[in-house]
Amino acid sequence: MRVFRAANAAALVLLCAVMLYPFITVLAQSFSSAGAIKAGQVNVWPVGFNVDTYTAVMSNGMFWRNYGNTVLYTVVGTAIAMTLTTTYAYVLSKRHLKGRNALIGIAVFTMFFNGGIVPNYVLISSLGMKNTMWAIVLPNAISVFNLLVMKSFFENLPKDLEEAAQIDGLGWYGIFARIVLPLSKAVIATMVLFYSVQYWNDWFAAFLYLDKSELFPVTLFLRNLIAGASTSASEGAAAAGTTTALVSTNIQAVTMILTVIPILCIYPFVQRYFVSGVMLGSIKG
């Protein structure tokens, strides 16, 4: 048993090290000098420590505008997605509902088949949502995986509570808001995390449907930096009095670190709900 525990602990430590190594390397590069990065001297510790790139990026107005767009898209998108997912899942959890199997089938069908990029682009454009926030938050408002997990969770809630609430005069909306949702904090927190990460990391929808740089999310800003298609950060560096050569080498690392910070800050507060929420939503009977 001791040998197994030691081997298990060693394997987990090695796995954690492998997973953390890329992030630590990017963090070290963000604080390193351009020369050290070009020479391949940066590994897990900064070489030629400097914060000039952070100053340059944080003085770039377009970066913060895109950052604000990402926060807005994430908050609005998660709120819409949670509203639709919870209500749809609660309806599907009622076995006596007529047409329930058809509704479940429609949802599951979308997991395997979709219209494709071109039809979706035509649809979004014809609905007048191109170059608007709604092109980002509405098309992926319901994740079928999240929907099925939440449906399973609702099915496992005690039926006696709902029956008692009905006897006390509560309608279905009252039962859902005052009984079901308060008992579902674990799975709701888990789904909020899933949707938040989805919207925060999404750049492809913005790449397709947004043409104006002032509407871009910060992930698309980062994508353009990595692709070499954006010079706005270099312009910000020049405005801040920093040489472009110095900034252009490690600006991607700085932008990645600034982009991932909110998720790292939020995750510890919902992590304790994560495993219990998924497990409770996956257990039948």
Protein backbone atom coordinates (compact mmCIF):
# COMPACT_ATOMS: atom_id res chain seq x y z
CA MET A 1 0.00 0.00 0.00
CA ARG A 2 2.80 2.40 0.88
CA VAL A 3 4.56 1.67 -2.39
CA PHE A 4 1.33 2.33 -4.29
CA ARG A 5 0.74 5.62 -2.47
CA ALA A 6 4.32 6.74 -3.08
CA ALA A 7 4.10 5.84 -6.77
CA ASN A 8 0.71 7.53 -7.05
CA ALA A 9 1.99 10.69 -5.37
CA ALA A 10 5.09 10.73 -7.60
CA ALA A 11 2.94 10.31 -10.72
CA LEU A 12 0.62 13.14 -9.66
CA VAL A 13 3.53 15.46 -8.87
CA LEU A 14 5.07 14.68 -12.27
CA LEU A 15 1.73 15.28 -14.00
CA CYS A 16 1.31 18.62 -12.20
CA ALA A 17 4.85 19.62 -13.15
CA VAL A 18 4.20 18.78 -16.82
CA MET A 19 0.97 20.79 -16.80
CA LEU A 20 2.45 23.80 -14.98
CA TYR A 21 5.69 23.97 -16.94
CA PRO A 22 4.26 25.81 -20.01
CA PHE A 23 2.51 28.39 -17.82
CA ILE A 24 5.61 28.98 -15.68
CA THR A 25 7.73 29.35 -18.82
CA VAL A 26 5.34 31.93 -20.30
CA LEU A 27 5.30 33.78 -16.96
CA ALA A 28 9.11 33.82 -16.89
CA GLN A 29 9.25 35.10 -20.47
CA SER A 30 6.86 37.92 -19.64
CA PHE A 31 9.37 39.27 -17.11
CA SER A 32 12.50 38.56 -19.15
CA SER A 33 14.51 40.71 -21.53
CA ALA A 34 14.17 40.34 -25.28
CA GLY A 35 17.80 39.33 -25.68
CA ALA A 36 17.52 36.51 -23.15
CA ILE A 37 14.38 35.15 -24.84
CA LYS A 38 15.96 35.30 -28.30
CA ALA A 39 19.04 33.51 -26.97
CA GLY A 40 16.87 30.73 -25.50
CA GLN A 41 18.08 31.40 -21.96
CA VAL A 42 14.63 31.64 -20.35
CA ASN A 43 13.23 28.45 -18.87
CA VAL A 44 11.37 28.65 -15.57
CA TRP A 45 13.06 31.73 -14.16
CA PRO A 46 13.18 35.28 -15.64
CA VAL A 47 16.47 36.37 -17.16
CA GLY A 48 17.16 40.10 -17.46
CA PHE A 49 14.17 41.01 -15.32
CA ASN A 50 12.05 43.87 -16.70
CA VAL A 51 8.47 45.12 -16.55
CA ASP A 52 8.68 47.41 -19.58
CA THR A 53 6.43 45.15 -21.63
CA TYR A 54 3.75 45.11 -18.92
CA THR A 55 3.90 48.90 -18.86
CA ALA A 56 3.58 49.06 -22.65
CA VAL A 57 0.64 46.65 -22.87
CA MET A 58 -1.20 48.19 -19.93
CA SER A 59 -0.85 51.63 -21.50
CA ASN A 60 -2.49 50.40 -24.71
CA GLY A 61 -6.09 51.63 -24.82
CA MET A 62 -7.18 49.05 -27.40
CA PHE A 63 -6.02 46.19 -25.18
CA TRP A 64 -8.17 47.39 -22.28
CA ARG A 65 -11.13 48.04 -24.56
CA ASN A 66 -10.93 44.49 -25.86
CA TYR A 67 -10.47 43.28 -22.31
CA GLY A 68 -13.67 45.06 -21.29
CA ASN A 69 -15.44 43.52 -24.27
CA THR A 70 -14.42 40.06 -23.09
CA VAL A 71 -15.74 40.74 -19.59
CA LEU A 72 -19.03 42.00 -21.05
CA TYR A 73 -19.42 39.07 -23.45
CA THR A 74 -18.60 36.59 -20.69
CA VAL A 75 -21.02 38.05 -18.13
CA VAL A 76 -23.91 38.51 -20.56
CA GLY A 77 -23.30 35.21 -22.35
CA THR A 78 -23.04 33.22 -19.11
CA ALA A 79 -26.22 34.83 -17.73
CA ILE A 80 -28.17 34.00 -20.90
CA ALA A 81 -26.72 30.50 -21.12
CA MET A 82 -27.51 29.70 -17.48
CA THR A 83 -31.06 31.01 -17.81
CA LEU A 84 -31.74 28.90 -20.90
CA THR A 85 -29.91 25.81 -19.65
CA THR A 86 -31.52 25.69 -16.21
CA THR A 87 -35.06 26.27 -17.48
CA TYR A 88 -34.73 23.82 -20.38
CA ALA A 89 -33.12 21.18 -18.13
CA TYR A 90 -35.86 21.55 -15.52
CA VAL A 91 -38.54 21.03 -18.16
CA LEU A 92 -36.76 17.96 -19.53
CA SER A 93 -36.44 16.48 -16.04
CA LYS A 94 -40.24 16.05 -15.82
CA ARG A 95 -40.99 12.53 -17.01
CA HIS A 96 -44.70 13.22 -17.37
CA LEU A 97 -44.07 16.01 -19.93
CA LYS A 98 -45.64 15.24 -23.30
CA GLY A 99 -43.10 15.38 -26.10
CA ARG A 100 -40.18 15.11 -23.63
CA ASN A 101 -38.31 12.52 -25.70
CA ALA A 102 -38.67 14.69 -28.81
CA LEU A 103 -37.24 17.69 -26.99
CA ILE A 104 -34.31 15.62 -25.72
CA GLY A 105 -33.76 14.27 -29.22
CA ILE A 106 -33.69 17.75 -30.71
CA ALA A 107 -31.05 18.79 -28.18
CA VAL A 108 -28.91 15.67 -28.66
CA PHE A 109 -29.18 15.97 -32.46
CA THR A 110 -27.31 19.28 -32.32
CA MET A 111 -24.36 17.55 -30.64
CA PHE A 112 -23.67 15.57 -33.80
CA PHE A 113 -24.94 17.77 -36.62
CA ASN A 114 -24.80 21.48 -37.36
CA GLY A 115 -25.18 23.72 -40.37
CA GLY A 116 -21.50 24.48 -40.75
CA ILE A 117 -19.57 27.73 -40.85
CA VAL A 118 -20.99 29.18 -44.07
CA PRO A 119 -24.71 28.61 -43.26
CA ASN A 120 -24.16 29.93 -39.73
CA TYR A 121 -22.42 33.01 -41.11
CA VAL A 122 -25.29 33.63 -43.54
CA LEU A 123 -27.82 33.15 -40.74
CA ILE A 124 -26.07 35.56 -38.35
CA SER A 125 -25.72 38.16 -41.11
CA SER A 126 -29.35 37.83 -42.23
CA LEU A 127 -30.52 38.29 -38.63
CA GLY A 128 -28.60 41.56 -38.41
CA MET A 129 -26.35 40.33 -35.59
CA LYS A 130 -23.06 40.78 -37.42
CA ASN A 131 -20.77 43.26 -35.64
CA THR A 132 -22.87 43.04 -32.49
CA MET A 133 -22.42 41.34 -29.13
CA TRP A 134 -25.30 38.98 -29.90
CA ALA A 135 -23.30 37.22 -32.59
CA ILE A 136 -20.94 36.11 -29.82
CA VAL A 137 -23.30 35.26 -26.97
CA LEU A 138 -26.38 33.75 -28.65
CA PRO A 139 -25.24 31.03 -31.12
CA ASN A 140 -23.61 28.92 -28.36
CA ALA A 141 -25.99 29.85 -25.57
CA ILE A 142 -26.84 26.24 -24.70
CA SER A 143 -24.25 23.50 -24.34
CA VAL A 144 -26.01 20.16 -24.73
CA PHE A 145 -23.48 18.47 -22.44
CA ASN A 146 -24.22 20.98 -19.67
CA LEU A 147 -27.93 20.62 -20.37
CA LEU A 148 -27.90 16.84 -19.95
CA VAL A 149 -25.79 17.01 -16.78
CA MET A 150 -28.18 19.54 -15.24
CA LYS A 151 -31.24 17.54 -16.36
CA SER A 152 -29.86 14.47 -14.64
CA PHE A 153 -29.24 16.51 -11.49
CA PHE A 154 -32.79 17.85 -11.43
CA GLU A 155 -34.16 14.32 -11.89
CA ASN A 156 -32.38 13.24 -8.70
CA LEU A 157 -33.90 15.96 -6.52
CA PRO A 158 -36.46 14.71 -3.96
CA LYS A 159 -39.95 14.80 -5.47
CA ASP A 160 -41.49 15.20 -2.02
CA LEU A 161 -40.20 18.77 -1.79
CA GLU A 162 -41.98 19.81 -4.97
CA GLU A 163 -45.18 18.07 -3.92
CA ALA A 164 -45.09 19.80 -0.54
CA ALA A 165 -44.51 23.16 -2.24
CA GLN A 166 -47.49 22.54 -4.54
CA ILE A 167 -49.68 21.78 -1.52
CA ASP A 168 -48.55 25.10 -0.03
CA GLY A 169 -49.75 26.87 -3.17
CA LEU A 170 -46.53 27.38 -5.13
CA GLY A 171 -46.71 27.17 -8.92
CA TRP A 172 -44.04 25.71 -11.16
CA TYR A 173 -42.15 29.01 -11.43
CA GLY A 174 -42.19 29.41 -7.65
CA ILE A 175 -41.00 25.85 -7.11
CA PHE A 176 -38.20 26.34 -9.62
CA ALA A 177 -37.03 29.67 -8.17
CA ARG A 178 -37.52 28.98 -4.44
CA ILE A 179 -36.95 25.24 -4.12
CA VAL A 180 -35.00 23.82 -7.06
CA LEU A 181 -32.38 26.52 -7.68
CA PRO A 182 -31.32 26.91 -4.00
CA LEU A 183 -30.77 23.12 -3.86
CA SER A 184 -28.70 23.19 -7.05
CA LYS A 185 -25.83 25.49 -6.03
CA ALA A 186 -23.16 22.88 -6.74
CA VAL A 187 -24.19 22.07 -10.29
CA ILE A 188 -25.02 25.72 -11.04
CA ALA A 189 -21.56 26.83 -9.90
CA THR A 190 -20.02 24.12 -12.09
CA MET A 191 -22.02 25.18 -15.14
CA VAL A 192 -21.20 28.84 -14.53
CA LEU A 193 -17.51 27.90 -14.58
CA PHE A 194 -17.93 25.91 -17.80
CA TYR A 195 -19.78 28.69 -19.60
CA SER A 196 -17.50 31.44 -18.30
CA VAL A 197 -14.38 29.67 -19.53
CA GLN A 198 -16.08 28.95 -22.86
CA TYR A 199 -16.98 32.59 -23.49
CA TRP A 200 -13.72 33.94 -22.08
CA ASN A 201 -11.55 31.78 -24.33
CA ASP A 202 -13.65 32.03 -27.49
CA TRP A 203 -12.09 34.00 -30.31
CA PHE A 204 -13.29 32.17 -33.42
CA ALA A 205 -16.85 33.51 -33.32
CA ALA A 206 -15.49 37.05 -33.02
CA PHE A 207 -13.07 36.32 -35.86
CA LEU A 208 -16.02 35.34 -38.07
CA TYR A 209 -18.67 37.87 -37.12
CA LEU A 210 -16.82 41.01 -35.98
CA ASP A 211 -15.02 43.37 -38.36
CA LYS A 212 -14.45 46.31 -36.02
CA SER A 213 -11.39 46.10 -33.78
CA GLU A 214 -13.13 48.05 -31.02
CA LEU A 215 -15.58 45.14 -30.69
CA PHE A 216 -12.93 42.41 -30.49
CA PRO A 217 -12.55 40.31 -27.34
CA VAL A 218 -9.10 40.20 -25.80
CA THR A 219 -8.60 36.62 -27.02
CA LEU A 220 -8.87 37.82 -30.63
CA PHE A 221 -6.43 40.63 -29.77
CA LEU A 222 -4.05 37.93 -28.53
CA ARG A 223 -4.67 35.78 -31.58
CA ASN A 224 -3.78 38.67 -33.86
CA LEU A 225 -0.60 39.24 -31.89
CA ILE A 226 0.41 35.61 -32.23
CA ALA A 227 -0.44 35.66 -35.93
CA GLY A 228 1.57 38.83 -36.39
CA ALA A 229 -1.54 40.66 -37.63
CA SER A 230 -1.69 43.34 -34.97
CA THR A 231 0.65 46.30 -34.47
CA SER A 232 -1.47 48.14 -31.94
CA ALA A 233 0.61 46.84 -29.02
CA SER A 234 3.80 48.03 -30.66
CA GLU A 235 2.21 51.43 -31.18
CA GLY A 236 1.29 51.45 -27.51
CA ALA A 237 4.87 50.59 -26.65
CA ALA A 238 6.16 53.50 -28.70
CA ALA A 239 3.70 55.81 -26.99
CA ALA A 240 5.01 54.58 -23.65
CA GLY A 241 8.59 55.31 -24.67
CA THR A 242 9.61 51.65 -25.00
CA THR A 243 11.47 50.29 -27.99
CA THR A 244 9.41 48.14 -30.34
CA ALA A 245 12.12 45.48 -30.57
CA LEU A 246 12.06 45.02 -26.83
CA VAL A 247 8.31 44.69 -26.63
CA SER A 248 7.62 42.60 -29.72
CA THR A 249 9.61 39.63 -28.41
CA ASN A 250 7.75 38.95 -25.19
CA ILE A 251 4.52 40.90 -25.68
CA GLN A 252 2.66 37.69 -26.46
CA ALA A 253 3.68 36.22 -23.12
CA VAL A 254 2.59 39.35 -21.26
CA THR A 255 -0.78 39.43 -23.02
CA MET A 256 -1.38 35.74 -22.29
CA ILE A 257 -0.63 36.23 -18.60
CA LEU A 258 -2.96 39.25 -18.34
CA THR A 259 -5.66 37.34 -20.19
CA VAL A 260 -5.60 34.25 -17.99
CA ILE A 261 -5.47 36.07 -14.62
CA PRO A 262 -9.29 36.44 -14.15
CA ILE A 263 -9.90 32.72 -14.70
CA LEU A 264 -7.14 31.87 -12.22
CA CYS A 265 -8.72 34.23 -9.69
CA ILE A 266 -12.25 32.87 -10.10
CA TYR A 267 -11.49 29.16 -10.20
CA PRO A 268 -10.47 28.70 -6.51
CA PHE A 269 -13.86 30.01 -5.38
CA VAL A 270 -15.85 27.50 -7.46
CA GLN A 271 -13.40 24.61 -7.44
CA ARG A 272 -15.01 23.01 -4.37
CA TYR A 273 -18.29 22.77 -6.29
CA PHE A 274 -16.68 21.41 -9.43
CA VAL A 275 -16.33 17.68 -8.69
CA SER A 276 -19.51 17.43 -6.60
CA GLY A 277 -21.53 19.28 -9.23
CA VAL A 278 -20.47 17.02 -12.08
CA MET A 279 -20.80 13.83 -10.02
CA LEU A 280 -24.24 14.73 -8.69
CA GLY A 281 -25.37 15.50 -12.21
CA SER A 282 -24.09 12.18 -13.53
CA ILE A 283 -25.56 9.81 -10.95
CA LYS A 284 -28.89 8.20 -11.73
CA GLY A 285 -31.43 6.76 -9.33
